[in-house]
Amino acid sequence: MMFVPGACGGKTGEIPVIPPVTPPLSRPVIGYGVVIVSYTHLVREPGEGGIALGYLRRGSLIRILERRIIRPGENAESWVLVERPQGQDRGWLKESVVDIYDNEFQANTAAEPMTQ
């Protein structure tokens, strides 16, 4: 048997793990969306009992800032925190009323035929 001093005891040099900066983790928005229903209410908190802050029409372009899964009863619903590109009308929408795209160009392209 071989004995190696310091191999089992004493302090070990810990090197912190720092993940590299990658676009999904470092960008300020998750993606961009386009409202696909005639109109929908923007609410203060995710869930059916949320207070309406305003509404968005079909073809509205939005930034998606956050996503949450809400479980009312037995059904799970996905909600997204959104804001308009100008930084106004920030609130929550059901994810089912929005098509989500990776970038603003794709969302603008998808929204064009909806607003004409």
PDB file of N, CA and C in Angstrom:
ATOM      1  N   MET A   1       0.842  -1.159   0.000  1.00  0.00           N
ATOM      2  CA  MET A   1       0.000   0.000   0.000  1.00  0.00           C
ATOM      3  C   MET A   1       0.892   1.227   0.000  1.00  0.00           C
ATOM      4  N   MET A   2       0.516   2.221  -0.763  1.00  0.00           N
ATOM      5  CA  MET A   2       1.295   3.439  -0.875  1.00  0.00           C
ATOM      6  C   MET A   2       0.562   4.571  -0.179  1.00  0.00           C
ATOM      7  N   PHE A   3       1.248   5.355   0.584  1.00  0.00           N
ATOM      8  CA  PHE A   3       0.661   6.484   1.303  1.00  0.00           C
ATOM      9  C   PHE A   3       1.098   7.778   0.630  1.00  0.00           C
ATOM     10  N   VAL A   4       0.107   8.594   0.267  1.00  0.00           N
ATOM     11  CA  VAL A   4       0.402   9.872  -0.367  1.00  0.00           C
ATOM     12  C   VAL A   4      -0.043  10.965   0.598  1.00  0.00           C
ATOM     13  N   PRO A   5       0.901  11.703   1.178  1.00  0.00           N
ATOM     14  CA  PRO A   5       0.518  12.742   2.121  1.00  0.00           C
ATOM     15  C   PRO A   5      -0.302  13.850   1.444  1.00  0.00           C
ATOM     16  N   GLY A   6      -1.344  14.268   2.114  1.00  0.00           N
ATOM     17  CA  GLY A   6      -2.161  15.373   1.621  1.00  0.00           C
ATOM     18  C   GLY A   6      -3.197  14.957   0.598  1.00  0.00           C
ATOM     19  N   ALA A   7      -3.242  13.700   0.212  1.00  0.00           N
ATOM     20  CA  ALA A   7      -4.190  13.280  -0.809  1.00  0.00           C
ATOM     21  C   ALA A   7      -5.605  13.177  -0.267  1.00  0.00           C
ATOM     22  N   CYS A   8      -5.766  12.883   0.997  1.00  0.00           N
ATOM     23  CA  CYS A   8      -7.106  12.691   1.548  1.00  0.00           C
ATOM     24  C   CYS A   8      -7.513  13.771   2.542  1.00  0.00           C
ATOM     25  N   GLY A   9      -6.584  14.471   3.109  1.00  0.00           N
ATOM     26  CA  GLY A   9      -6.944  15.433   4.132  1.00  0.00           C
ATOM     27  C   GLY A   9      -6.536  16.825   3.718  1.00  0.00           C
ATOM     28  N   GLY A  10      -6.800  17.742   4.586  1.00  0.00           N
ATOM     29  CA  GLY A  10      -6.398  19.114   4.315  1.00  0.00           C
ATOM     30  C   GLY A  10      -7.326  19.811   3.355  1.00  0.00           C
ATOM     31  N   LYS A  11      -6.942  20.996   2.960  1.00  0.00           N
ATOM     32  CA  LYS A  11      -7.765  21.805   2.062  1.00  0.00           C
ATOM     33  C   LYS A  11      -7.455  21.459   0.612  1.00  0.00           C
ATOM     34  N   THR A  12      -8.495  21.446  -0.155  1.00  0.00           N
ATOM     35  CA  THR A  12      -8.315  21.250  -1.591  1.00  0.00           C
ATOM     36  C   THR A  12      -8.635  22.561  -2.276  1.00  0.00           C
ATOM     37  N   GLY A  13      -7.974  22.830  -3.345  1.00  0.00           N
ATOM     38  CA  GLY A  13      -8.253  24.067  -4.081  1.00  0.00           C
ATOM     39  C   GLY A  13      -9.516  23.905  -4.888  1.00  0.00           C
ATOM     40  N   GLU A  14     -10.555  24.628  -4.499  1.00  0.00           N
ATOM     41  CA  GLU A  14     -11.811  24.566  -5.237  1.00  0.00           C
ATOM     42  C   GLU A  14     -11.794  25.609  -6.336  1.00  0.00           C
ATOM     43  N   ILE A  15     -12.152  25.168  -7.507  1.00  0.00           N
ATOM     44  CA  ILE A  15     -12.232  26.069  -8.652  1.00  0.00           C
ATOM     45  C   ILE A  15     -13.709  26.266  -8.965  1.00  0.00           C
ATOM     46  N   PRO A  16     -14.205  27.495  -8.862  1.00  0.00           N
ATOM     47  CA  PRO A  16     -15.629  27.707  -9.139  1.00  0.00           C
ATOM     48  C   PRO A  16     -15.939  27.455 -10.612  1.00  0.00           C
ATOM     49  N   VAL A  17     -17.093  26.879 -10.839  1.00  0.00           N
ATOM     50  CA  VAL A  17     -17.540  26.632 -12.202  1.00  0.00           C
ATOM     51  C   VAL A  17     -18.375  27.819 -12.645  1.00  0.00           C
ATOM     52  N   ILE A  18     -17.919  28.502 -13.657  1.00  0.00           N
ATOM     53  CA  ILE A  18     -18.632  29.660 -14.191  1.00  0.00           C
ATOM     54  C   ILE A  18     -19.033  29.329 -15.619  1.00  0.00           C
ATOM     55  N   PRO A  19     -20.353  29.206 -15.854  1.00  0.00           N
ATOM     56  CA  PRO A  19     -20.778  28.852 -17.217  1.00  0.00           C
ATOM     57  C   PRO A  19     -20.474  29.983 -18.192  1.00  0.00           C
ATOM     58  N   PRO A  20     -20.180  29.616 -19.421  1.00  0.00           N
ATOM     59  CA  PRO A  20     -19.922  30.667 -20.411  1.00  0.00           C
ATOM     60  C   PRO A  20     -21.194  31.454 -20.704  1.00  0.00           C
ATOM     61  N   VAL A  21     -21.024  32.682 -21.117  1.00  0.00           N
ATOM     62  CA  VAL A  21     -22.174  33.510 -21.482  1.00  0.00           C
ATOM     63  C   VAL A  21     -22.684  33.005 -22.828  1.00  0.00           C
ATOM     64  N   THR A  22     -23.924  32.558 -22.833  1.00  0.00           N
ATOM     65  CA  THR A  22     -24.529  32.069 -24.062  1.00  0.00           C
ATOM     66  C   THR A  22     -25.815  32.855 -24.304  1.00  0.00           C
ATOM     67  N   PRO A  23     -26.217  33.032 -25.539  1.00  0.00           N
ATOM     68  CA  PRO A  23     -27.405  33.844 -25.824  1.00  0.00           C
ATOM     69  C   PRO A  23     -28.661  33.453 -25.059  1.00  0.00           C
ATOM     70  N   PRO A  24     -29.012  32.162 -24.911  1.00  0.00           N
ATOM     71  CA  PRO A  24     -30.250  31.880 -24.171  1.00  0.00           C
ATOM     72  C   PRO A  24     -30.194  32.327 -22.714  1.00  0.00           C
ATOM     73  N   LEU A  25     -29.003  32.406 -22.138  1.00  0.00           N
ATOM     74  CA  LEU A  25     -28.884  32.780 -20.738  1.00  0.00           C
ATOM     75  C   LEU A  25     -28.613  34.258 -20.541  1.00  0.00           C
ATOM     76  N   SER A  26     -28.051  34.920 -21.544  1.00  0.00           N
ATOM     77  CA  SER A  26     -27.610  36.292 -21.347  1.00  0.00           C
ATOM     78  C   SER A  26     -28.489  37.343 -22.008  1.00  0.00           C
ATOM     79  N   ARG A  27     -29.334  36.959 -22.940  1.00  0.00           N
ATOM     80  CA  ARG A  27     -30.136  37.978 -23.607  1.00  0.00           C
ATOM     81  C   ARG A  27     -31.299  38.418 -22.730  1.00  0.00           C
ATOM     82  N   PRO A  28     -31.744  39.653 -22.894  1.00  0.00           N
ATOM     83  CA  PRO A  28     -32.791  40.187 -22.018  1.00  0.00           C
ATOM     84  C   PRO A  28     -34.188  39.629 -22.299  1.00  0.00           C
ATOM     85  N   VAL A  29     -34.394  39.005 -23.452  1.00  0.00           N
ATOM     86  CA  VAL A  29     -35.702  38.442 -23.784  1.00  0.00           C
ATOM     87  C   VAL A  29     -35.551  36.972 -24.149  1.00  0.00           C
ATOM     88  N   ILE A  30     -36.601  36.196 -23.900  1.00  0.00           N
ATOM     89  CA  ILE A  30     -36.604  34.781 -24.272  1.00  0.00           C
ATOM     90  C   ILE A  30     -36.811  34.648 -25.768  1.00  0.00           C
ATOM     91  N   GLY A  31     -37.648  35.498 -26.306  1.00  0.00           N
ATOM     92  CA  GLY A  31     -37.969  35.465 -27.724  1.00  0.00           C
ATOM     93  C   GLY A  31     -38.957  36.574 -28.043  1.00  0.00           C
ATOM     94  N   TYR A  32     -39.517  36.494 -29.220  1.00  0.00           N
ATOM     95  CA  TYR A  32     -40.507  37.470 -29.665  1.00  0.00           C
ATOM     96  C   TYR A  32     -41.759  36.721 -30.051  1.00  0.00           C
ATOM     97  N   GLY A  33     -42.893  37.363 -29.878  1.00  0.00           N
ATOM     98  CA  GLY A  33     -44.143  36.703 -30.184  1.00  0.00           C
ATOM     99  C   GLY A  33     -45.066  37.569 -30.999  1.00  0.00           C
ATOM    100  N   VAL A  34     -46.061  36.889 -31.568  1.00  0.00           N
ATOM    101  CA  VAL A  34     -47.111  37.553 -32.326  1.00  0.00           C
ATOM    102  C   VAL A  34     -48.436  37.003 -31.814  1.00  0.00           C
ATOM    103  N   VAL A  35     -49.355  37.898 -31.459  1.00  0.00           N
ATOM    104  CA  VAL A  35     -50.677  37.485 -30.992  1.00  0.00           C
ATOM    105  C   VAL A  35     -51.435  36.895 -32.172  1.00  0.00           C
ATOM    106  N   ILE A  36     -52.026  35.696 -31.977  1.00  0.00           N
ATOM    107  CA  ILE A  36     -52.673  34.989 -33.081  1.00  0.00           C
ATOM    108  C   ILE A  36     -54.194  34.928 -32.959  1.00  0.00           C
ATOM    109  N   VAL A  37     -54.760  35.531 -31.922  1.00  0.00           N
ATOM    110  CA  VAL A  37     -56.220  35.578 -31.759  1.00  0.00           C
ATOM    111  C   VAL A  37     -56.701  36.999 -32.035  1.00  0.00           C
ATOM    112  N   SER A  38     -58.015  37.176 -32.242  1.00  0.00           N
ATOM    113  CA  SER A  38     -58.564  38.498 -32.574  1.00  0.00           C
ATOM    114  C   SER A  38     -58.119  39.557 -31.583  1.00  0.00           C
ATOM    115  N   TYR A  39     -58.291  39.276 -30.299  1.00  0.00           N
ATOM    116  CA  TYR A  39     -57.763  40.148 -29.249  1.00  0.00           C
ATOM    117  C   TYR A  39     -57.657  39.327 -27.967  1.00  0.00           C
ATOM    118  N   THR A  40     -56.831  39.769 -27.075  1.00  0.00           N
ATOM    119  CA  THR A  40     -56.645  39.089 -25.798  1.00  0.00           C
ATOM    120  C   THR A  40     -56.312  40.113 -24.725  1.00  0.00           C
ATOM    121  N   HIS A  41     -56.699  39.809 -23.509  1.00  0.00           N
ATOM    122  CA  HIS A  41     -56.414  40.711 -22.388  1.00  0.00           C
ATOM    123  C   HIS A  41     -55.020  40.453 -21.840  1.00  0.00           C
ATOM    124  N   LEU A  42     -54.347  41.524 -21.548  1.00  0.00           N
ATOM    125  CA  LEU A  42     -53.064  41.508 -20.864  1.00  0.00           C
ATOM    126  C   LEU A  42     -53.389  41.633 -19.377  1.00  0.00           C
ATOM    127  N   VAL A  43     -52.890  40.705 -18.551  1.00  0.00           N
ATOM    128  CA  VAL A  43     -53.251  40.722 -17.132  1.00  0.00           C
ATOM    129  C   VAL A  43     -52.032  40.949 -16.245  1.00  0.00           C
ATOM    130  N   ARG A  44     -52.287  41.423 -15.029  1.00  0.00           N
ATOM    131  CA  ARG A  44     -51.216  41.772 -14.089  1.00  0.00           C
ATOM    132  C   ARG A  44     -50.460  40.540 -13.598  1.00  0.00           C
ATOM    133  N   GLU A  45     -51.185  39.470 -13.250  1.00  0.00           N
ATOM    134  CA  GLU A  45     -50.584  38.229 -12.747  1.00  0.00           C
ATOM    135  C   GLU A  45     -51.083  37.058 -13.592  1.00  0.00           C
ATOM    136  N   PRO A  46     -50.263  36.029 -13.783  1.00  0.00           N
ATOM    137  CA  PRO A  46     -50.723  34.880 -14.564  1.00  0.00           C
ATOM    138  C   PRO A  46     -51.846  34.140 -13.844  1.00  0.00           C
ATOM    139  N   GLY A  47     -52.790  33.645 -14.594  1.00  0.00           N
ATOM    140  CA  GLY A  47     -53.922  32.917 -14.027  1.00  0.00           C
ATOM    141  C   GLY A  47     -55.228  33.556 -14.443  1.00  0.00           C
ATOM    142  N   GLU A  48     -56.283  32.825 -14.248  1.00  0.00           N
ATOM    143  CA  GLU A  48     -57.602  33.281 -14.699  1.00  0.00           C
ATOM    144  C   GLU A  48     -58.137  34.478 -13.919  1.00  0.00           C
ATOM    145  N   GLY A  49     -57.711  34.684 -12.692  1.00  0.00           N
ATOM    146  CA  GLY A  49     -58.243  35.780 -11.888  1.00  0.00           C
ATOM    147  C   GLY A  49     -57.454  37.066 -12.001  1.00  0.00           C
ATOM    148  N   GLY A  50     -56.568  37.161 -12.985  1.00  0.00           N
ATOM    149  CA  GLY A  50     -55.724  38.344 -13.113  1.00  0.00           C
ATOM    150  C   GLY A  50     -56.490  39.597 -13.486  1.00  0.00           C
ATOM    151  N   ILE A  51     -56.015  40.721 -13.012  1.00  0.00           N
ATOM    152  CA  ILE A  51     -56.621  42.017 -13.312  1.00  0.00           C
ATOM    153  C   ILE A  51     -56.175  42.456 -14.707  1.00  0.00           C
ATOM    154  N   ALA A  52     -57.133  42.814 -15.550  1.00  0.00           N
ATOM    155  CA  ALA A  52     -56.835  43.223 -16.919  1.00  0.00           C
ATOM    156  C   ALA A  52     -56.141  44.584 -16.936  1.00  0.00           C
ATOM    157  N   LEU A  53     -55.040  44.661 -17.661  1.00  0.00           N
ATOM    158  CA  LEU A  53     -54.297  45.915 -17.809  1.00  0.00           C
ATOM    159  C   LEU A  53     -54.548  46.577 -19.154  1.00  0.00           C
ATOM    160  N   GLY A  54     -55.059  45.813 -20.070  1.00  0.00           N
ATOM    161  CA  GLY A  54     -55.288  46.303 -21.425  1.00  0.00           C
ATOM    162  C   GLY A  54     -55.517  45.113 -22.328  1.00  0.00           C
ATOM    163  N   TYR A  55     -55.404  45.333 -23.618  1.00  0.00           N
ATOM    164  CA  TYR A  55     -55.589  44.229 -24.542  1.00  0.00           C
ATOM    165  C   TYR A  55     -54.626  44.376 -25.712  1.00  0.00           C
ATOM    166  N   LEU A  56     -54.414  43.266 -26.407  1.00  0.00           N
ATOM    167  CA  LEU A  56     -53.581  43.236 -27.610  1.00  0.00           C
ATOM    168  C   LEU A  56     -54.400  42.610 -28.726  1.00  0.00           C
ATOM    169  N   ARG A  57     -54.216  43.114 -29.936  1.00  0.00           N
ATOM    170  CA  ARG A  57     -54.941  42.609 -31.099  1.00  0.00           C
ATOM    171  C   ARG A  57     -54.097  41.613 -31.889  1.00  0.00           C
ATOM    172  N   ARG A  58     -54.773  40.888 -32.764  1.00  0.00           N
ATOM    173  CA  ARG A  58     -54.109  39.942 -33.662  1.00  0.00           C
ATOM    174  C   ARG A  58     -53.002  40.675 -34.427  1.00  0.00           C
ATOM    175  N   GLY A  59     -51.832  40.052 -34.483  1.00  0.00           N
ATOM    176  CA  GLY A  59     -50.704  40.632 -35.196  1.00  0.00           C
ATOM    177  C   GLY A  59     -49.818  41.524 -34.345  1.00  0.00           C
ATOM    178  N   SER A  60     -50.190  41.759 -33.077  1.00  0.00           N
ATOM    179  CA  SER A  60     -49.353  42.586 -32.198  1.00  0.00           C
ATOM    180  C   SER A  60     -48.017  41.892 -31.945  1.00  0.00           C
ATOM    181  N   LEU A  61     -46.949  42.636 -32.108  1.00  0.00           N
ATOM    182  CA  LEU A  61     -45.606  42.120 -31.859  1.00  0.00           C
ATOM    183  C   LEU A  61     -45.253  42.378 -30.400  1.00  0.00           C
ATOM    184  N   ILE A  62     -44.724  41.363 -29.720  1.00  0.00           N
ATOM    185  CA  ILE A  62     -44.391  41.479 -28.302  1.00  0.00           C
ATOM    186  C   ILE A  62     -43.051  40.819 -28.010  1.00  0.00           C
ATOM    187  N   ARG A  63     -42.397  41.285 -26.966  1.00  0.00           N
ATOM    188  CA  ARG A  63     -41.191  40.636 -26.436  1.00  0.00           C
ATOM    189  C   ARG A  63     -41.629  39.677 -25.338  1.00  0.00           C
ATOM    190  N   ILE A  64     -41.017  38.517 -25.287  1.00  0.00           N
ATOM    191  CA  ILE A  64     -41.328  37.548 -24.241  1.00  0.00           C
ATOM    192  C   ILE A  64     -40.188  37.565 -23.233  1.00  0.00           C
ATOM    193  N   LEU A  65     -40.523  37.935 -21.997  1.00  0.00           N
ATOM    194  CA  LEU A  65     -39.523  38.128 -20.954  1.00  0.00           C
ATOM    195  C   LEU A  65     -39.401  36.949 -20.004  1.00  0.00           C
ATOM    196  N   GLU A  66     -40.495  36.228 -19.805  1.00  0.00           N
ATOM    197  CA  GLU A  66     -40.500  35.132 -18.819  1.00  0.00           C
ATOM    198  C   GLU A  66     -41.607  34.163 -19.165  1.00  0.00           C
ATOM    199  N   ARG A  67     -41.461  32.907 -18.730  1.00  0.00           N
ATOM    200  CA  ARG A  67     -42.493  31.892 -18.934  1.00  0.00           C
ATOM    201  C   ARG A  67     -42.757  31.200 -17.592  1.00  0.00           C
ATOM    202  N   ARG A  68     -44.039  30.964 -17.288  1.00  0.00           N
ATOM    203  CA  ARG A  68     -44.422  30.256 -16.060  1.00  0.00           C
ATOM    204  C   ARG A  68     -45.489  29.220 -16.365  1.00  0.00           C
ATOM    205  N   ILE A  69     -45.412  28.122 -15.650  1.00  0.00           N
ATOM    206  CA  ILE A  69     -46.453  27.102 -15.722  1.00  0.00           C
ATOM    207  C   ILE A  69     -47.322  27.276 -14.481  1.00  0.00           C
ATOM    208  N   ILE A  70     -48.612  27.467 -14.684  1.00  0.00           N
ATOM    209  CA  ILE A  70     -49.576  27.635 -13.602  1.00  0.00           C
ATOM    210  C   ILE A  70     -50.448  26.383 -13.583  1.00  0.00           C
ATOM    211  N   ARG A  71     -50.676  25.829 -12.400  1.00  0.00           N
ATOM    212  CA  ARG A  71     -51.466  24.608 -12.281  1.00  0.00           C
ATOM    213  C   ARG A  71     -52.763  24.852 -11.502  1.00  0.00           C
ATOM    214  N   PRO A  72     -53.780  25.414 -12.155  1.00  0.00           N
ATOM    215  CA  PRO A  72     -55.071  25.563 -11.467  1.00  0.00           C
ATOM    216  C   PRO A  72     -55.821  24.227 -11.504  1.00  0.00           C
ATOM    217  N   GLY A  73     -56.082  23.658 -10.366  1.00  0.00           N
ATOM    218  CA  GLY A  73     -56.751  22.347 -10.333  1.00  0.00           C
ATOM    219  C   GLY A  73     -55.847  21.281 -10.908  1.00  0.00           C
ATOM    220  N   GLU A  74     -56.337  20.545 -11.873  1.00  0.00           N
ATOM    221  CA  GLU A  74     -55.564  19.457 -12.480  1.00  0.00           C
ATOM    222  C   GLU A  74     -54.914  19.865 -13.804  1.00  0.00           C
ATOM    223  N   ASN A  75     -55.281  21.004 -14.350  1.00  0.00           N
ATOM    224  CA  ASN A  75     -54.766  21.434 -15.647  1.00  0.00           C
ATOM    225  C   ASN A  75     -53.594  22.383 -15.485  1.00  0.00           C
ATOM    226  N   ALA A  76     -52.570  22.179 -16.270  1.00  0.00           N
ATOM    227  CA  ALA A  76     -51.423  23.089 -16.259  1.00  0.00           C
ATOM    228  C   ALA A  76     -51.541  24.024 -17.459  1.00  0.00           C
ATOM    229  N   GLU A  77     -51.274  25.303 -17.232  1.00  0.00           N
ATOM    230  CA  GLU A  77     -51.309  26.301 -18.302  1.00  0.00           C
ATOM    231  C   GLU A  77     -49.983  27.036 -18.322  1.00  0.00           C
ATOM    232  N   SER A  78     -49.506  27.306 -19.511  1.00  0.00           N
ATOM    233  CA  SER A  78     -48.281  28.069 -19.655  1.00  0.00           C
ATOM    234  C   SER A  78     -48.638  29.528 -19.932  1.00  0.00           C
ATOM    235  N   TRP A  79     -48.012  30.437 -19.188  1.00  0.00           N
ATOM    236  CA  TRP A  79     -48.222  31.871 -19.330  1.00  0.00           C
ATOM    237  C   TRP A  79     -46.887  32.525 -19.644  1.00  0.00           C
ATOM    238  N   VAL A  80     -46.923  33.635 -20.374  1.00  0.00           N
ATOM    239  CA  VAL A  80     -45.705  34.373 -20.703  1.00  0.00           C
ATOM    240  C   VAL A  80     -45.844  35.835 -20.279  1.00  0.00           C
ATOM    241  N   LEU A  81     -44.762  36.359 -19.703  1.00  0.00           N
ATOM    242  CA  LEU A  81     -44.694  37.782 -19.370  1.00  0.00           C
ATOM    243  C   LEU A  81     -44.192  38.486 -20.615  1.00  0.00           C
ATOM    244  N   VAL A  82     -44.945  39.473 -21.077  1.00  0.00           N
ATOM    245  CA  VAL A  82     -44.626  40.130 -22.346  1.00  0.00           C
ATOM    246  C   VAL A  82     -44.608  41.641 -22.190  1.00  0.00           C
ATOM    247  N   GLU A  83     -43.984  42.283 -23.157  1.00  0.00           N
ATOM    248  CA  GLU A  83     -44.075  43.734 -23.284  1.00  0.00           C
ATOM    249  C   GLU A  83     -43.972  44.065 -24.756  1.00  0.00           C
ATOM    250  N   ARG A  84     -44.540  45.202 -25.112  1.00  0.00           N
ATOM    251  CA  ARG A  84     -44.423  45.666 -26.496  1.00  0.00           C
ATOM    252  C   ARG A  84     -43.008  46.152 -26.735  1.00  0.00           C
ATOM    253  N   PRO A  85     -42.531  46.147 -27.970  1.00  0.00           N
ATOM    254  CA  PRO A  85     -41.160  46.586 -28.250  1.00  0.00           C
ATOM    255  C   PRO A  85     -40.844  47.992 -27.764  1.00  0.00           C
ATOM    256  N   GLN A  86     -41.825  48.863 -27.643  1.00  0.00           N
ATOM    257  CA  GLN A  86     -41.581  50.211 -27.143  1.00  0.00           C
ATOM    258  C   GLN A  86     -41.471  50.237 -25.622  1.00  0.00           C
ATOM    259  N   GLY A  87     -41.654  49.092 -24.946  1.00  0.00           N
ATOM    260  CA  GLY A  87     -41.533  49.031 -23.496  1.00  0.00           C
ATOM    261  C   GLY A  87     -42.803  49.362 -22.742  1.00  0.00           C
ATOM    262  N   GLN A  88     -43.934  49.420 -23.429  1.00  0.00           N
ATOM    263  CA  GLN A  88     -45.203  49.725 -22.770  1.00  0.00           C
ATOM    264  C   GLN A  88     -46.048  48.456 -22.690  1.00  0.00           C
ATOM    265  N   ASP A  89     -47.175  48.523 -22.018  1.00  0.00           N
ATOM    266  CA  ASP A  89     -48.124  47.411 -21.949  1.00  0.00           C
ATOM    267  C   ASP A  89     -47.484  46.097 -21.496  1.00  0.00           C
ATOM    268  N   ARG A  90     -46.822  46.114 -20.367  1.00  0.00           N
ATOM    269  CA  ARG A  90     -46.188  44.908 -19.836  1.00  0.00           C
ATOM    270  C   ARG A  90     -47.181  44.130 -18.992  1.00  0.00           C
ATOM    271  N   GLY A  91     -47.299  42.813 -19.240  1.00  0.00           N
ATOM    272  CA  GLY A  91     -48.218  41.967 -18.485  1.00  0.00           C
ATOM    273  C   GLY A  91     -48.138  40.526 -18.957  1.00  0.00           C
ATOM    274  N   TRP A  92     -49.081  39.728 -18.512  1.00  0.00           N
ATOM    275  CA  TRP A  92     -49.092  38.289 -18.778  1.00  0.00           C
ATOM    276  C   TRP A  92     -50.159  37.903 -19.791  1.00  0.00           C
ATOM    277  N   LEU A  93     -49.830  36.918 -20.643  1.00  0.00           N
ATOM    278  CA  LEU A  93     -50.755  36.324 -21.601  1.00  0.00           C
ATOM    279  C   LEU A  93     -50.644  34.807 -21.519  1.00  0.00           C
ATOM    280  N   LYS A  94     -51.738  34.113 -21.848  1.00  0.00           N
ATOM    281  CA  LYS A  94     -51.641  32.662 -22.013  1.00  0.00           C
ATOM    282  C   LYS A  94     -50.741  32.406 -23.217  1.00  0.00           C
ATOM    283  N   GLU A  95     -49.868  31.452 -23.086  1.00  0.00           N
ATOM    284  CA  GLU A  95     -48.957  31.151 -24.191  1.00  0.00           C
ATOM    285  C   GLU A  95     -49.705  30.659 -25.430  1.00  0.00           C
ATOM    286  N   SER A  96     -50.876  30.078 -25.242  1.00  0.00           N
ATOM    287  CA  SER A  96     -51.641  29.534 -26.371  1.00  0.00           C
ATOM    288  C   SER A  96     -52.148  30.612 -27.327  1.00  0.00           C
ATOM    289  N   VAL A  97     -52.130  31.885 -26.939  1.00  0.00           N
ATOM    290  CA  VAL A  97     -52.610  32.955 -27.823  1.00  0.00           C
ATOM    291  C   VAL A  97     -51.463  33.637 -28.562  1.00  0.00           C
ATOM    292  N   VAL A  98     -50.254  33.075 -28.446  1.00  0.00           N
ATOM    293  CA  VAL A  98     -49.057  33.695 -29.020  1.00  0.00           C
ATOM    294  C   VAL A  98     -48.250  32.663 -29.795  1.00  0.00           C
ATOM    295  N   ASP A  99     -47.794  33.034 -30.972  1.00  0.00           N
ATOM    296  CA  ASP A  99     -46.773  32.254 -31.675  1.00  0.00           C
ATOM    297  C   ASP A  99     -45.429  32.849 -31.291  1.00  0.00           C
ATOM    298  N   ILE A 100     -44.471  32.005 -30.916  1.00  0.00           N
ATOM    299  CA  ILE A 100     -43.179  32.468 -30.418  1.00  0.00           C
ATOM    300  C   ILE A 100     -42.082  32.218 -31.452  1.00  0.00           C
ATOM    301  N   TYR A 101     -41.226  33.230 -31.616  1.00  0.00           N
ATOM    302  CA  TYR A 101     -40.119  33.175 -32.573  1.00  0.00           C
ATOM    303  C   TYR A 101     -38.811  33.521 -31.864  1.00  0.00           C
ATOM    304  N   ASP A 102     -37.703  33.087 -32.466  1.00  0.00           N
ATOM    305  CA  ASP A 102     -36.380  33.318 -31.867  1.00  0.00           C
ATOM    306  C   ASP A 102     -35.943  34.773 -31.918  1.00  0.00           C
ATOM    307  N   ASN A 103     -36.337  35.467 -32.972  1.00  0.00           N
ATOM    308  CA  ASN A 103     -35.855  36.849 -33.103  1.00  0.00           C
ATOM    309  C   ASN A 103     -36.962  37.765 -33.621  1.00  0.00           C
ATOM    310  N   GLU A 104     -36.700  39.051 -33.518  1.00  0.00           N
ATOM    311  CA  GLU A 104     -37.693  40.060 -33.879  1.00  0.00           C
ATOM    312  C   GLU A 104     -38.002  40.059 -35.382  1.00  0.00           C
ATOM    313  N   PHE A 105     -37.003  39.774 -36.197  1.00  0.00           N
ATOM    314  CA  PHE A 105     -37.216  39.749 -37.642  1.00  0.00           C
ATOM    315  C   PHE A 105     -38.236  38.678 -38.018  1.00  0.00           C
ATOM    316  N   GLN A 106     -38.093  37.472 -37.462  1.00  0.00           N
ATOM    317  CA  GLN A 106     -39.037  36.396 -37.750  1.00  0.00           C
ATOM    318  C   GLN A 106     -40.448  36.761 -37.294  1.00  0.00           C
ATOM    319  N   ALA A 107     -40.554  37.357 -36.117  1.00  0.00           N
ATOM    320  CA  ALA A 107     -41.864  37.749 -35.596  1.00  0.00           C
ATOM    321  C   ALA A 107     -42.499  38.831 -36.467  1.00  0.00           C
ATOM    322  N   ASN A 108     -41.710  39.816 -36.898  1.00  0.00           N
ATOM    323  CA  ASN A 108     -42.228  40.875 -37.784  1.00  0.00           C
ATOM    324  C   ASN A 108     -42.727  40.290 -39.087  1.00  0.00           C
ATOM    325  N   THR A 109     -41.979  39.359 -39.644  1.00  0.00           N
ATOM    326  CA  THR A 109     -42.382  38.711 -40.894  1.00  0.00           C
ATOM    327  C   THR A 109     -43.707  37.969 -40.719  1.00  0.00           C
ATOM    328  N   ALA A 110     -43.867  37.282 -39.596  1.00  0.00           N
ATOM    329  CA  ALA A 110     -45.100  36.539 -39.331  1.00  0.00           C
ATOM    330  C   ALA A 110     -46.279  37.483 -39.064  1.00  0.00           C
ATOM    331  N   ALA A 111     -46.009  38.646 -38.462  1.00  0.00           N
ATOM    332  CA  ALA A 111     -47.083  39.578 -38.105  1.00  0.00           C
ATOM    333  C   ALA A 111     -47.620  40.358 -39.300  1.00  0.00           C
ATOM    334  N   GLU A 112     -46.784  40.576 -40.329  1.00  0.00           N
ATOM    335  CA  GLU A 112     -47.189  41.422 -41.465  1.00  0.00           C
ATOM    336  C   GLU A 112     -48.527  41.006 -42.081  1.00  0.00           C
ATOM    337  N   PRO A 113     -48.721  39.754 -42.477  1.00  0.00           N
ATOM    338  CA  PRO A 113     -50.012  39.404 -43.101  1.00  0.00           C
ATOM    339  C   PRO A 113     -51.198  39.502 -42.138  1.00  0.00           C
ATOM    340  N   MET A 114     -50.966  39.422 -40.853  1.00  0.00           N
ATOM    341  CA  MET A 114     -52.056  39.484 -39.865  1.00  0.00           C
ATOM    342  C   MET A 114     -52.587  40.888 -39.674  1.00  0.00           C
ATOM    343  N   THR A 115     -51.779  41.882 -39.959  1.00  0.00           N
ATOM    344  CA  THR A 115     -52.179  43.262 -39.708  1.00  0.00           C
ATOM    345  C   THR A 115     -52.706  43.970 -40.954  1.00  0.00           C
ATOM    346  N   GLN A 116     -52.751  43.283 -42.070  1.00  0.00           N
ATOM    347  CA  GLN A 116     -53.224  43.917 -43.309  1.00  0.00           C
ATOM    348  C   GLN A 116     -54.686  43.647 -43.539  1.00  0.00           C
TER     349      GLN A 116
END
